[in-house]
Amino acid sequence: MKLAERWKRISTKVLASFRIFSIREDRYQLPRHEKEASFYVLESSDWVNVIPLTEQGEVVLIRQFRFGTENVTLEIPGGIVDPGHTPLIAARKELLEETGYASDQWDYLGYVHPNPAFLNNRCHSFLAKGVKRIAEAAPEESEEFEVVLVPYPEIKNLIGNEGITHSLVVCAFHLFELK
């Protein structure tokens, strides 16, 4: 019997729903004995990340305040995949909204599970090549961005020196390097 088949979910119940996620309680019968245990899962739509690369070899990054760490971070554009949208549609939308840049050249880099211990979603990463600024950034009411251009060779140093600390951004650059 495969490992996943040994875990029997007995019940599931949504405990609370919020704008960007829900939390549910799943009850499982533990595989090695008859005991039951509760596990909590944050349900969220998939996410996207975009590495926007200009023709001059610069990465378009954004600086923004993050409420979880109460700190300003340096990141690539990204966000939630809205219902009915594909990850590519979401990636194009997030790039334009957060930076004012757009591209006609897109490569899918792959996905990661942000934290499979308690999150049910995936984060899809894309490379947008030859990006050009076509508009002003249009952040949502609760967002504020500073657009920053960084030569691609400096990204490794930013990651190594804690200039870029967002784990999903680091994963996106790793997926890019693997391609």
C-alpha atoms as a PDB file:
ATOM      1  CA  MET A   1       0.000   0.000   0.000  1.00  0.00           C
ATOM      2  CA  LYS A   2       1.334   3.437  -0.935  1.00  0.00           C
ATOM      3  CA  LEU A   3       2.058   5.874   1.866  1.00  0.00           C
ATOM      4  CA  ALA A   4      -0.678   8.348   0.839  1.00  0.00           C
ATOM      5  CA  GLU A   5      -3.275   5.557   0.810  1.00  0.00           C
ATOM      6  CA  ARG A   6      -2.555   4.760   4.464  1.00  0.00           C
ATOM      7  CA  TRP A   7      -3.879   8.162   5.581  1.00  0.00           C
ATOM      8  CA  LYS A   8      -7.689   8.034   5.836  1.00  0.00           C
ATOM      9  CA  ARG A   9      -9.493  11.358   6.129  1.00  0.00           C
ATOM     10  CA  ILE A  10     -12.525  10.924   8.362  1.00  0.00           C
ATOM     11  CA  SER A  11     -13.965  14.431   8.147  1.00  0.00           C
ATOM     12  CA  THR A  12     -13.255  17.942   6.957  1.00  0.00           C
ATOM     13  CA  LYS A  13     -14.745  21.219   8.132  1.00  0.00           C
ATOM     14  CA  VAL A  14     -14.118  24.818   7.068  1.00  0.00           C
ATOM     15  CA  LEU A  15     -13.500  26.835  10.234  1.00  0.00           C
ATOM     16  CA  ALA A  16     -13.192  30.333   8.752  1.00  0.00           C
ATOM     17  CA  SER A  17     -13.009  32.067   5.384  1.00  0.00           C
ATOM     18  CA  PHE A  18     -11.180  35.272   4.595  1.00  0.00           C
ATOM     19  CA  ARG A  19     -10.502  37.261   1.439  1.00  0.00           C
ATOM     20  CA  ILE A  20      -7.340  35.366   0.434  1.00  0.00           C
ATOM     21  CA  PHE A  21      -7.635  32.027   2.255  1.00  0.00           C
ATOM     22  CA  SER A  22      -9.819  29.690   4.284  1.00  0.00           C
ATOM     23  CA  ILE A  23      -8.798  27.473   7.153  1.00  0.00           C
ATOM     24  CA  ARG A  24     -10.145  23.973   7.489  1.00  0.00           C
ATOM     25  CA  GLU A  25      -9.811  21.185  10.018  1.00  0.00           C
ATOM     26  CA  ASP A  26      -9.263  17.678   8.671  1.00  0.00           C
ATOM     27  CA  ARG A  27      -9.618  14.661  10.960  1.00  0.00           C
ATOM     28  CA  TYR A  28      -7.487  11.639  10.006  1.00  0.00           C
ATOM     29  CA  GLN A  29      -7.135   8.144  11.335  1.00  0.00           C
ATOM     30  CA  LEU A  30      -3.452   7.741  12.033  1.00  0.00           C
ATOM     31  CA  PRO A  31      -1.892   4.955   9.936  1.00  0.00           C
ATOM     32  CA  ARG A  32      -0.107   3.046  12.689  1.00  0.00           C
ATOM     33  CA  HIS A  33      -3.004   2.734  15.148  1.00  0.00           C
ATOM     34  CA  GLU A  34      -6.692   3.505  15.628  1.00  0.00           C
ATOM     35  CA  LYS A  35      -6.216   7.008  17.041  1.00  0.00           C
ATOM     36  CA  GLU A  36      -7.528  10.093  15.267  1.00  0.00           C
ATOM     37  CA  ALA A  37      -5.907  13.508  15.000  1.00  0.00           C
ATOM     38  CA  SER A  38      -6.817  16.928  13.666  1.00  0.00           C
ATOM     39  CA  PHE A  39      -4.725  18.740  11.069  1.00  0.00           C
ATOM     40  CA  TYR A  40      -5.269  22.318   9.918  1.00  0.00           C
ATOM     41  CA  VAL A  41      -4.984  23.395   6.291  1.00  0.00           C
ATOM     42  CA  LEU A  42      -4.924  26.892   4.810  1.00  0.00           C
ATOM     43  CA  GLU A  43      -6.832  26.692   1.538  1.00  0.00           C
ATOM     44  CA  SER A  44      -5.720  29.256  -1.002  1.00  0.00           C
ATOM     45  CA  SER A  45      -5.871  29.807  -4.717  1.00  0.00           C
ATOM     46  CA  ASP A  46      -2.645  29.156  -6.583  1.00  0.00           C
ATOM     47  CA  TRP A  47      -0.123  31.976  -6.745  1.00  0.00           C
ATOM     48  CA  VAL A  48       2.175  33.258  -9.480  1.00  0.00           C
ATOM     49  CA  ASN A  49       5.603  34.871  -9.579  1.00  0.00           C
ATOM     50  CA  VAL A  50       7.133  36.637 -12.580  1.00  0.00           C
ATOM     51  CA  ILE A  51      10.810  37.237 -13.299  1.00  0.00           C
ATOM     52  CA  PRO A  52      10.593  40.247 -15.649  1.00  0.00           C
ATOM     53  CA  LEU A  53      13.772  40.617 -17.690  1.00  0.00           C
ATOM     54  CA  THR A  54      14.402  43.689 -19.847  1.00  0.00           C
ATOM     55  CA  GLU A  55      16.260  43.582 -23.166  1.00  0.00           C
ATOM     56  CA  GLN A  56      19.185  45.200 -21.303  1.00  0.00           C
ATOM     57  CA  GLY A  57      19.367  42.241 -18.885  1.00  0.00           C
ATOM     58  CA  GLU A  58      17.808  43.987 -15.913  1.00  0.00           C
ATOM     59  CA  VAL A  59      15.256  42.385 -13.597  1.00  0.00           C
ATOM     60  CA  VAL A  60      12.232  44.514 -12.730  1.00  0.00           C
ATOM     61  CA  LEU A  61      11.770  44.197  -8.966  1.00  0.00           C
ATOM     62  CA  ILE A  62       9.384  45.814  -6.528  1.00  0.00           C
ATOM     63  CA  ARG A  63       9.924  47.046  -3.002  1.00  0.00           C
ATOM     64  CA  GLN A  64       6.910  46.860  -0.767  1.00  0.00           C
ATOM     65  CA  PHE A  65       5.889  46.731   2.860  1.00  0.00           C
ATOM     66  CA  ARG A  66       4.834  43.258   4.037  1.00  0.00           C
ATOM     67  CA  PHE A  67       2.476  42.998   6.989  1.00  0.00           C
ATOM     68  CA  GLY A  68       3.558  39.506   8.081  1.00  0.00           C
ATOM     69  CA  THR A  69       7.125  40.578   8.805  1.00  0.00           C
ATOM     70  CA  GLU A  70       6.344  44.280   9.243  1.00  0.00           C
ATOM     71  CA  ASN A  71       9.228  44.971   6.913  1.00  0.00           C
ATOM     72  CA  VAL A  72       9.984  46.195   3.399  1.00  0.00           C
ATOM     73  CA  THR A  73      10.964  43.431   0.982  1.00  0.00           C
ATOM     74  CA  LEU A  74      12.529  43.326  -2.472  1.00  0.00           C
ATOM     75  CA  GLU A  75      10.558  40.946  -4.672  1.00  0.00           C
ATOM     76  CA  ILE A  76       9.489  40.049  -8.168  1.00  0.00           C
ATOM     77  CA  PRO A  77       5.871  40.763  -9.148  1.00  0.00           C
ATOM     78  CA  GLY A  78       3.380  38.113  -8.096  1.00  0.00           C
ATOM     79  CA  GLY A  79      -0.038  37.414  -6.716  1.00  0.00           C
ATOM     80  CA  ILE A  80      -3.105  35.205  -6.600  1.00  0.00           C
ATOM     81  CA  VAL A  81      -4.555  33.333  -9.556  1.00  0.00           C
ATOM     82  CA  ASP A  82      -8.139  34.588  -9.642  1.00  0.00           C
ATOM     83  CA  PRO A  83     -10.943  32.039 -10.173  1.00  0.00           C
ATOM     84  CA  GLY A  84     -11.402  31.288 -13.870  1.00  0.00           C
ATOM     85  CA  HIS A  85      -7.928  32.549 -14.768  1.00  0.00           C
ATOM     86  CA  THR A  86      -4.907  30.500 -15.780  1.00  0.00           C
ATOM     87  CA  PRO A  87      -1.569  31.070 -14.081  1.00  0.00           C
ATOM     88  CA  LEU A  88      -0.296  32.806 -17.249  1.00  0.00           C
ATOM     89  CA  ILE A  89      -3.236  35.235 -17.287  1.00  0.00           C
ATOM     90  CA  ALA A  90      -2.569  36.004 -13.620  1.00  0.00           C
ATOM     91  CA  ALA A  91       1.158  36.470 -14.278  1.00  0.00           C
ATOM     92  CA  ARG A  92       0.514  38.958 -17.101  1.00  0.00           C
ATOM     93  CA  LYS A  93      -1.982  40.860 -14.920  1.00  0.00           C
ATOM     94  CA  GLU A  94       0.312  41.025 -11.875  1.00  0.00           C
ATOM     95  CA  LEU A  95       3.303  42.184 -13.933  1.00  0.00           C
ATOM     96  CA  LEU A  96       1.343  45.042 -15.485  1.00  0.00           C
ATOM     97  CA  GLU A  97      -0.448  46.089 -12.270  1.00  0.00           C
ATOM     98  CA  GLU A  98       2.612  46.018 -10.039  1.00  0.00           C
ATOM     99  CA  THR A  99       5.217  47.450 -12.413  1.00  0.00           C
ATOM    100  CA  GLY A 100       3.570  48.893 -15.543  1.00  0.00           C
ATOM    101  CA  TYR A 101       5.704  46.500 -17.623  1.00  0.00           C
ATOM    102  CA  ALA A 102       4.460  43.933 -20.162  1.00  0.00           C
ATOM    103  CA  SER A 103       5.887  41.240 -22.429  1.00  0.00           C
ATOM    104  CA  ASP A 104       4.900  39.031 -25.352  1.00  0.00           C
ATOM    105  CA  GLN A 105       7.594  36.447 -24.542  1.00  0.00           C
ATOM    106  CA  TRP A 106       6.692  34.138 -21.674  1.00  0.00           C
ATOM    107  CA  ASP A 107       8.346  30.938 -20.440  1.00  0.00           C
ATOM    108  CA  TYR A 108       6.834  28.723 -17.760  1.00  0.00           C
ATOM    109  CA  LEU A 109       9.532  27.823 -15.231  1.00  0.00           C
ATOM    110  CA  GLY A 110       7.553  25.387 -13.063  1.00  0.00           C
ATOM    111  CA  TYR A 111       5.821  25.389  -9.705  1.00  0.00           C
ATOM    112  CA  VAL A 112       6.522  24.734  -6.042  1.00  0.00           C
ATOM    113  CA  HIS A 113       4.266  23.908  -3.111  1.00  0.00           C
ATOM    114  CA  PRO A 114       4.814  26.936  -0.804  1.00  0.00           C
ATOM    115  CA  ASN A 115       4.438  24.828   2.350  1.00  0.00           C
ATOM    116  CA  PRO A 116       2.728  21.442   1.915  1.00  0.00           C
ATOM    117  CA  ALA A 117       2.580  20.938   5.681  1.00  0.00           C
ATOM    118  CA  PHE A 118      -0.401  23.272   5.936  1.00  0.00           C
ATOM    119  CA  LEU A 119      -1.024  24.992   2.560  1.00  0.00           C
ATOM    120  CA  ASN A 120      -2.900  23.312  -0.286  1.00  0.00           C
ATOM    121  CA  ASN A 121      -1.783  25.514  -3.179  1.00  0.00           C
ATOM    122  CA  ARG A 122       1.028  25.904  -5.708  1.00  0.00           C
ATOM    123  CA  CYS A 123       3.134  28.885  -6.753  1.00  0.00           C
ATOM    124  CA  HIS A 124       3.786  29.000 -10.509  1.00  0.00           C
ATOM    125  CA  SER A 125       6.843  30.870 -11.757  1.00  0.00           C
ATOM    126  CA  PHE A 126       7.272  32.527 -15.141  1.00  0.00           C
ATOM    127  CA  LEU A 127      10.001  34.332 -17.026  1.00  0.00           C
ATOM    128  CA  ALA A 128       8.837  37.376 -18.991  1.00  0.00           C
ATOM    129  CA  LYS A 129      11.540  38.266 -21.539  1.00  0.00           C
ATOM    130  CA  GLY A 130      12.070  41.636 -23.188  1.00  0.00           C
ATOM    131  CA  VAL A 131       9.695  43.454 -20.849  1.00  0.00           C
ATOM    132  CA  LYS A 132       8.869  47.057 -21.680  1.00  0.00           C
ATOM    133  CA  ARG A 133       7.181  49.701 -19.582  1.00  0.00           C
ATOM    134  CA  ILE A 134       3.838  50.517 -21.182  1.00  0.00           C
ATOM    135  CA  ALA A 135       1.927  52.099 -18.283  1.00  0.00           C
ATOM    136  CA  GLU A 136       2.178  53.345 -14.738  1.00  0.00           C
ATOM    137  CA  ALA A 137       1.996  50.741 -11.977  1.00  0.00           C
ATOM    138  CA  ALA A 138      -1.573  50.383 -10.698  1.00  0.00           C
ATOM    139  CA  PRO A 139      -1.426  48.969  -7.168  1.00  0.00           C
ATOM    140  CA  GLU A 140      -4.572  48.029  -5.309  1.00  0.00           C
ATOM    141  CA  GLU A 141      -5.777  50.458  -2.650  1.00  0.00           C
ATOM    142  CA  SER A 142      -3.959  48.565   0.109  1.00  0.00           C
ATOM    143  CA  GLU A 143      -0.654  48.302  -1.819  1.00  0.00           C
ATOM    144  CA  GLU A 144       2.254  50.608  -2.533  1.00  0.00           C
ATOM    145  CA  PHE A 145       5.246  49.640  -4.683  1.00  0.00           C
ATOM    146  CA  GLU A 146       8.574  51.083  -5.636  1.00  0.00           C
ATOM    147  CA  VAL A 147       9.803  49.676  -8.971  1.00  0.00           C
ATOM    148  CA  VAL A 148      13.531  48.894  -9.010  1.00  0.00           C
ATOM    149  CA  LEU A 149      15.688  47.742 -11.951  1.00  0.00           C
ATOM    150  CA  VAL A 150      18.589  45.454 -11.014  1.00  0.00           C
ATOM    151  CA  PRO A 151      21.114  43.911 -13.433  1.00  0.00           C
ATOM    152  CA  TYR A 152      20.523  40.145 -13.476  1.00  0.00           C
ATOM    153  CA  PRO A 153      24.090  39.267 -12.338  1.00  0.00           C
ATOM    154  CA  GLU A 154      23.434  41.134  -9.060  1.00  0.00           C
ATOM    155  CA  ILE A 155      20.464  38.900  -8.116  1.00  0.00           C
ATOM    156  CA  LYS A 156      22.660  36.112  -6.704  1.00  0.00           C
ATOM    157  CA  ASN A 157      24.377  38.614  -4.392  1.00  0.00           C
ATOM    158  CA  LEU A 158      21.039  40.060  -3.277  1.00  0.00           C
ATOM    159  CA  ILE A 159      19.836  36.578  -2.356  1.00  0.00           C
ATOM    160  CA  GLY A 160      23.106  35.641  -0.645  1.00  0.00           C
ATOM    161  CA  ASN A 161      23.317  38.893   1.312  1.00  0.00           C
ATOM    162  CA  GLU A 162      19.690  38.898   2.499  1.00  0.00           C
ATOM    163  CA  GLY A 163      18.623  41.646   0.103  1.00  0.00           C
ATOM    164  CA  ILE A 164      16.005  39.234  -1.264  1.00  0.00           C
ATOM    165  CA  THR A 165      14.504  37.068   1.486  1.00  0.00           C
ATOM    166  CA  HIS A 166      11.080  36.051   0.158  1.00  0.00           C
ATOM    167  CA  SER A 167      11.345  32.267  -0.174  1.00  0.00           C
ATOM    168  CA  LEU A 168       9.071  32.026  -3.225  1.00  0.00           C
ATOM    169  CA  VAL A 169      11.140  34.663  -5.021  1.00  0.00           C
ATOM    170  CA  VAL A 170      14.304  32.691  -4.253  1.00  0.00           C
ATOM    171  CA  CYS A 171      12.562  29.557  -5.589  1.00  0.00           C
ATOM    172  CA  ALA A 172      11.593  31.350  -8.814  1.00  0.00           C
ATOM    173  CA  PHE A 173      15.198  32.386  -9.453  1.00  0.00           C
ATOM    174  CA  HIS A 174      16.350  28.833  -8.727  1.00  0.00           C
ATOM    175  CA  LEU A 175      13.831  27.447 -11.246  1.00  0.00           C
ATOM    176  CA  PHE A 176      15.102  30.015 -13.770  1.00  0.00           C
ATOM    177  CA  GLU A 177      18.707  28.894 -13.198  1.00  0.00           C
ATOM    178  CA  LEU A 178      17.684  25.245 -13.716  1.00  0.00           C
ATOM    179  CA  LYS A 179      16.240  26.111 -17.153  1.00  0.00           C
END
